């Protein structure tokens, strides 16, 4: 007896709605990322499509950013923030 496997190839392109489903966010968020250039997309006529490889690269960048250790403070920088210079208040004459 031979065992049959169910191989499902990955899609070559995803719609913004499909990307939103995979990322569990809104379509508006996906479109915003596309507009900013952080998620690559192509136009095919009036449709916007995200290549599956570009989706994977975006997810990898998110994972790297979210798992990066916090940036340690600069040891040379002063611990106290510099004073804020403000204009002196105008004094009212009490004459």
N, C-alpha and C. Protein backbone atom coordinates (compact mmCIF):
# COMPACT_ATOMS: atom_id res chain seq x y z
N UNK A 1 0.84 -1.18 0.00
CA UNK A 1 0.00 0.00 0.00
C UNK A 1 0.88 1.24 0.00
N UNK A 2 0.50 2.16 -0.79
CA UNK A 2 1.27 3.40 -0.84
C UNK A 2 0.52 4.49 -0.09
N UNK A 3 1.29 5.31 0.53
CA UNK A 3 0.72 6.40 1.30
C UNK A 3 0.66 7.63 0.40
N UNK A 4 -0.47 8.29 0.36
CA UNK A 4 -0.59 9.50 -0.45
C UNK A 4 -0.38 10.70 0.46
N UNK A 5 0.41 11.62 -0.04
CA UNK A 5 0.63 12.84 0.74
C UNK A 5 -0.15 13.97 0.10
N UNK A 6 -0.57 14.87 0.92
CA UNK A 6 -1.29 16.03 0.40
C UNK A 6 -0.34 17.20 0.37
N UNK A 7 0.25 17.43 -0.76
CA UNK A 7 1.18 18.54 -0.95
C UNK A 7 0.41 19.73 -1.47
N UNK A 8 0.50 20.82 -0.74
CA UNK A 8 -0.18 22.03 -1.17
C UNK A 8 0.88 23.08 -1.46
N UNK A 9 1.08 23.41 -2.72
CA UNK A 9 2.10 24.42 -3.03
C UNK A 9 1.70 25.78 -2.51
N UNK A 10 2.71 26.57 -2.16
CA UNK A 10 2.45 27.92 -1.68
C UNK A 10 2.05 28.81 -2.85
N UNK A 11 1.15 29.74 -2.63
CA UNK A 11 0.77 30.64 -3.72
C UNK A 11 1.94 31.55 -4.08
N UNK A 12 2.00 31.95 -5.34
CA UNK A 12 3.07 32.84 -5.76
C UNK A 12 2.79 34.28 -5.32
N UNK A 13 1.52 34.66 -5.33
CA UNK A 13 1.15 36.02 -4.96
C UNK A 13 0.00 35.98 -3.98
N UNK A 14 -0.02 36.98 -3.11
CA UNK A 14 -1.09 37.13 -2.12
C UNK A 14 -1.74 38.49 -2.29
N UNK A 15 -3.02 38.56 -2.02
CA UNK A 15 -3.71 39.84 -2.02
C UNK A 15 -3.47 40.50 -0.66
N UNK A 16 -3.67 41.80 -0.55
CA UNK A 16 -3.54 42.45 0.76
C UNK A 16 -4.46 41.83 1.82
N UNK A 17 -5.63 41.39 1.41
CA UNK A 17 -6.56 40.75 2.36
C UNK A 17 -5.99 39.42 2.87
N UNK A 18 -5.34 38.66 2.00
CA UNK A 18 -4.73 37.39 2.42
C UNK A 18 -3.55 37.65 3.36
N UNK A 19 -2.76 38.67 3.05
CA UNK A 19 -1.63 39.03 3.92
C UNK A 19 -2.17 39.46 5.29
N UNK A 20 -3.23 40.25 5.29
CA UNK A 20 -3.83 40.70 6.56
C UNK A 20 -4.31 39.50 7.38
N UNK A 21 -4.91 38.52 6.73
CA UNK A 21 -5.35 37.32 7.45
C UNK A 21 -4.17 36.58 8.06
N UNK A 22 -3.08 36.46 7.31
CA UNK A 22 -1.91 35.75 7.81
C UNK A 22 -1.24 36.50 8.96
N UNK A 23 -1.22 37.82 8.88
CA UNK A 23 -0.58 38.63 9.92
C UNK A 23 -1.53 38.96 11.07
N UNK A 24 -2.80 38.64 10.90
CA UNK A 24 -3.83 38.95 11.89
C UNK A 24 -3.90 40.45 12.17
N UNK A 25 -3.98 41.19 11.08
CA UNK A 25 -4.13 42.63 11.19
C UNK A 25 -5.15 43.08 10.15
N UNK A 26 -5.37 44.36 10.04
CA UNK A 26 -6.36 44.85 9.09
C UNK A 26 -5.75 45.03 7.71
N UNK A 27 -6.61 45.05 6.71
CA UNK A 27 -6.17 45.28 5.34
C UNK A 27 -5.59 46.68 5.23
N UNK A 28 -6.15 47.62 5.97
CA UNK A 28 -5.65 48.99 5.96
C UNK A 28 -4.19 49.04 6.43
N UNK A 29 -3.86 48.26 7.45
CA UNK A 29 -2.48 48.21 7.95
C UNK A 29 -1.56 47.67 6.87
N UNK A 30 -1.99 46.63 6.17
CA UNK A 30 -1.17 46.05 5.10
C UNK A 30 -0.97 47.08 3.99
N UNK A 31 -2.02 47.75 3.60
CA UNK A 31 -1.89 48.77 2.54
C UNK A 31 -0.97 49.92 2.97
N UNK A 32 -1.03 50.27 4.25
CA UNK A 32 -0.15 51.32 4.77
C UNK A 32 1.31 50.88 4.69
N UNK A 33 1.59 49.63 5.02
CA UNK A 33 2.96 49.12 4.93
C UNK A 33 3.44 49.09 3.48
N UNK A 34 2.54 48.79 2.56
CA UNK A 34 2.88 48.79 1.15
C UNK A 34 3.21 50.21 0.71
N UNK A 35 2.40 51.18 1.12
CA UNK A 35 2.64 52.59 0.75
C UNK A 35 3.96 53.09 1.32
N UNK A 36 4.30 52.68 2.53
CA UNK A 36 5.56 53.10 3.16
C UNK A 36 6.77 52.43 2.52
N UNK A 37 6.53 51.30 1.86
CA UNK A 37 7.63 50.59 1.23
C UNK A 37 8.24 49.51 2.11
N UNK A 38 7.66 49.27 3.28
CA UNK A 38 8.19 48.22 4.15
C UNK A 38 7.73 46.83 3.72
N UNK A 39 6.68 46.77 2.95
CA UNK A 39 6.19 45.52 2.37
C UNK A 39 6.10 45.74 0.87
N UNK A 40 6.89 44.95 0.13
CA UNK A 40 6.92 45.13 -1.32
C UNK A 40 5.66 44.55 -1.96
N UNK A 41 5.18 45.23 -2.98
CA UNK A 41 4.00 44.78 -3.71
C UNK A 41 4.13 45.20 -5.16
N UNK A 42 3.37 44.54 -6.01
CA UNK A 42 3.34 44.88 -7.44
C UNK A 42 1.91 45.15 -7.84
N UNK A 43 1.76 45.94 -8.86
CA UNK A 43 0.44 46.20 -9.43
C UNK A 43 0.25 45.35 -10.67
N UNK A 44 -0.87 44.71 -10.74
CA UNK A 44 -1.24 43.95 -11.93
C UNK A 44 -2.60 44.50 -12.35
N UNK A 45 -2.56 45.48 -13.26
CA UNK A 45 -3.79 46.17 -13.61
C UNK A 45 -4.22 47.02 -12.43
N UNK A 46 -5.41 46.79 -11.95
CA UNK A 46 -5.89 47.55 -10.79
C UNK A 46 -5.66 46.80 -9.48
N UNK A 47 -5.14 45.58 -9.58
CA UNK A 47 -4.92 44.77 -8.38
C UNK A 47 -3.54 45.00 -7.79
N UNK A 48 -3.46 44.95 -6.49
CA UNK A 48 -2.19 45.03 -5.77
C UNK A 48 -1.90 43.63 -5.25
N UNK A 49 -0.70 43.12 -5.57
CA UNK A 49 -0.34 41.76 -5.17
C UNK A 49 1.01 41.77 -4.46
N UNK A 50 1.13 40.91 -3.46
CA UNK A 50 2.38 40.77 -2.71
C UNK A 50 2.95 39.40 -3.05
N UNK A 51 4.19 39.38 -3.54
CA UNK A 51 4.85 38.10 -3.82
C UNK A 51 5.04 37.35 -2.50
N UNK A 52 4.88 36.04 -2.54
CA UNK A 52 4.98 35.25 -1.31
C UNK A 52 6.36 35.39 -0.68
N UNK A 53 7.39 35.46 -1.50
CA UNK A 53 8.75 35.65 -0.98
C UNK A 53 8.91 36.99 -0.27
N UNK A 54 8.27 38.03 -0.80
CA UNK A 54 8.32 39.34 -0.16
C UNK A 54 7.56 39.32 1.17
N UNK A 55 6.47 38.57 1.22
CA UNK A 55 5.73 38.41 2.48
C UNK A 55 6.62 37.73 3.52
N UNK A 56 7.32 36.66 3.11
CA UNK A 56 8.19 35.95 4.04
C UNK A 56 9.33 36.84 4.53
N UNK A 57 9.89 37.65 3.63
CA UNK A 57 10.97 38.57 4.01
C UNK A 57 10.46 39.61 5.01
N UNK A 58 9.25 40.11 4.80
CA UNK A 58 8.64 41.08 5.71
C UNK A 58 8.45 40.45 7.10
N UNK A 59 7.94 39.23 7.14
CA UNK A 59 7.72 38.54 8.42
C UNK A 59 9.06 38.31 9.12
N UNK A 60 10.09 37.96 8.35
CA UNK A 60 11.41 37.75 8.94
C UNK A 60 11.94 39.05 9.56
N UNK A 61 11.79 40.17 8.84
CA UNK A 61 12.23 41.46 9.37
C UNK A 61 11.46 41.81 10.65
N UNK A 62 10.16 41.53 10.66
CA UNK A 62 9.37 41.79 11.88
C UNK A 62 9.87 40.95 13.05
N UNK A 63 10.16 39.69 12.77
CA UNK A 63 10.63 38.78 13.81
C UNK A 63 11.97 39.26 14.36
N UNK A 64 12.87 39.69 13.48
CA UNK A 64 14.18 40.17 13.91
C UNK A 64 14.02 41.43 14.74
N UNK A 65 13.16 42.36 14.31
CA UNK A 65 12.96 43.60 15.06
C UNK A 65 12.35 43.34 16.43
N UNK A 66 11.38 42.43 16.48
CA UNK A 66 10.69 42.18 17.74
C UNK A 66 11.53 41.35 18.71
N UNK A 67 12.46 40.55 18.20
CA UNK A 67 13.26 39.71 19.08
C UNK A 67 14.62 40.32 19.40
N UNK A 68 14.91 41.49 18.86
CA UNK A 68 16.19 42.14 19.13
C UNK A 68 16.23 42.62 20.57
N UNK A 69 17.40 42.52 21.20
CA UNK A 69 17.50 43.01 22.58
C UNK A 69 17.34 44.52 22.62
N UNK A 70 16.87 45.06 23.72
CA UNK A 70 16.71 46.51 23.81
C UNK A 70 18.06 47.21 23.70
N UNK A 71 18.04 48.39 23.15
CA UNK A 71 19.27 49.15 22.97
C UNK A 71 19.70 49.68 24.34
N UNK A 72 20.95 49.41 24.68
CA UNK A 72 21.46 49.90 25.96
C UNK A 72 21.81 51.37 25.84
N UNK A 73 21.67 52.11 26.92
CA UNK A 73 21.98 53.54 26.85
C UNK A 73 23.47 53.76 26.61
N UNK A 74 23.79 54.85 25.99
CA UNK A 74 25.16 55.21 25.69
C UNK A 74 25.88 55.54 27.00
N UNK A 75 27.00 54.85 27.34
CA UNK A 75 27.66 55.12 28.61
C UNK A 75 28.28 56.51 28.68
N UNK A 76 28.52 57.13 27.54
CA UNK A 76 29.13 58.45 27.52
C UNK A 76 28.09 59.54 27.67
N UNK A 77 26.87 59.26 27.28
CA UNK A 77 25.81 60.27 27.33
C UNK A 77 25.46 60.59 28.77
N UNK A 78 25.09 61.82 29.04
CA UNK A 78 24.72 62.18 30.42
C UNK A 78 23.43 61.46 30.84
N UNK A 79 23.36 61.13 32.10
CA UNK A 79 22.19 60.42 32.61
C UNK A 79 20.99 61.33 32.73
N UNK A 80 21.24 62.63 32.87
CA UNK A 80 20.16 63.59 33.01
C UNK A 80 20.00 64.32 31.69
N UNK A 81 18.77 64.54 31.31
CA UNK A 81 18.55 65.26 30.06
C UNK A 81 18.95 66.72 30.22
N UNK A 82 19.41 67.34 29.15
CA UNK A 82 19.83 68.74 29.25
C UNK A 82 18.64 69.63 29.58
N UNK A 83 18.89 70.77 30.23
CA UNK A 83 17.78 71.65 30.60
C UNK A 83 17.13 72.26 29.37
N UNK A 84 15.86 72.50 29.49
CA UNK A 84 15.11 73.12 28.41
C UNK A 84 15.16 74.62 28.62
N UNK A 85 15.62 75.34 27.61
CA UNK A 85 15.70 76.80 27.70
C UNK A 85 14.37 77.40 27.28
N UNK A 86 13.83 78.17 28.15
CA UNK A 86 12.55 78.81 27.86
C UNK A 86 12.72 80.33 27.91
N UNK A 87 11.85 80.97 27.22
CA UNK A 87 11.87 82.43 27.27
C UNK A 87 11.45 82.90 28.66
N UNK A 88 12.08 83.96 29.16
CA UNK A 88 11.66 84.46 30.47
C UNK A 88 10.26 85.05 30.39
N UNK A 89 9.54 84.90 31.47
CA UNK A 89 8.19 85.46 31.52
C UNK A 89 8.25 86.98 31.55
N UNK A 90 7.27 87.56 30.95
CA UNK A 90 7.18 89.03 31.00
C UNK A 90 6.61 89.41 32.35
N UNK A 91 7.31 90.32 33.01
CA UNK A 91 6.82 90.73 34.33
C UNK A 91 5.76 91.81 34.14
N UNK A 92 4.77 91.77 34.99
CA UNK A 92 3.71 92.79 34.93
C UNK A 92 4.08 93.91 35.88
N UNK A 93 3.97 95.11 35.40
CA UNK A 93 4.23 96.27 36.27
C UNK A 93 3.05 96.45 37.21
N UNK A 94 3.36 96.60 38.45
CA UNK A 94 2.30 96.77 39.45
C UNK A 94 2.13 98.24 39.83
N UNK A 95 2.49 99.16 38.98
CA UNK A 95 2.36 100.60 39.25
C UNK A 95 0.95 101.02 39.28
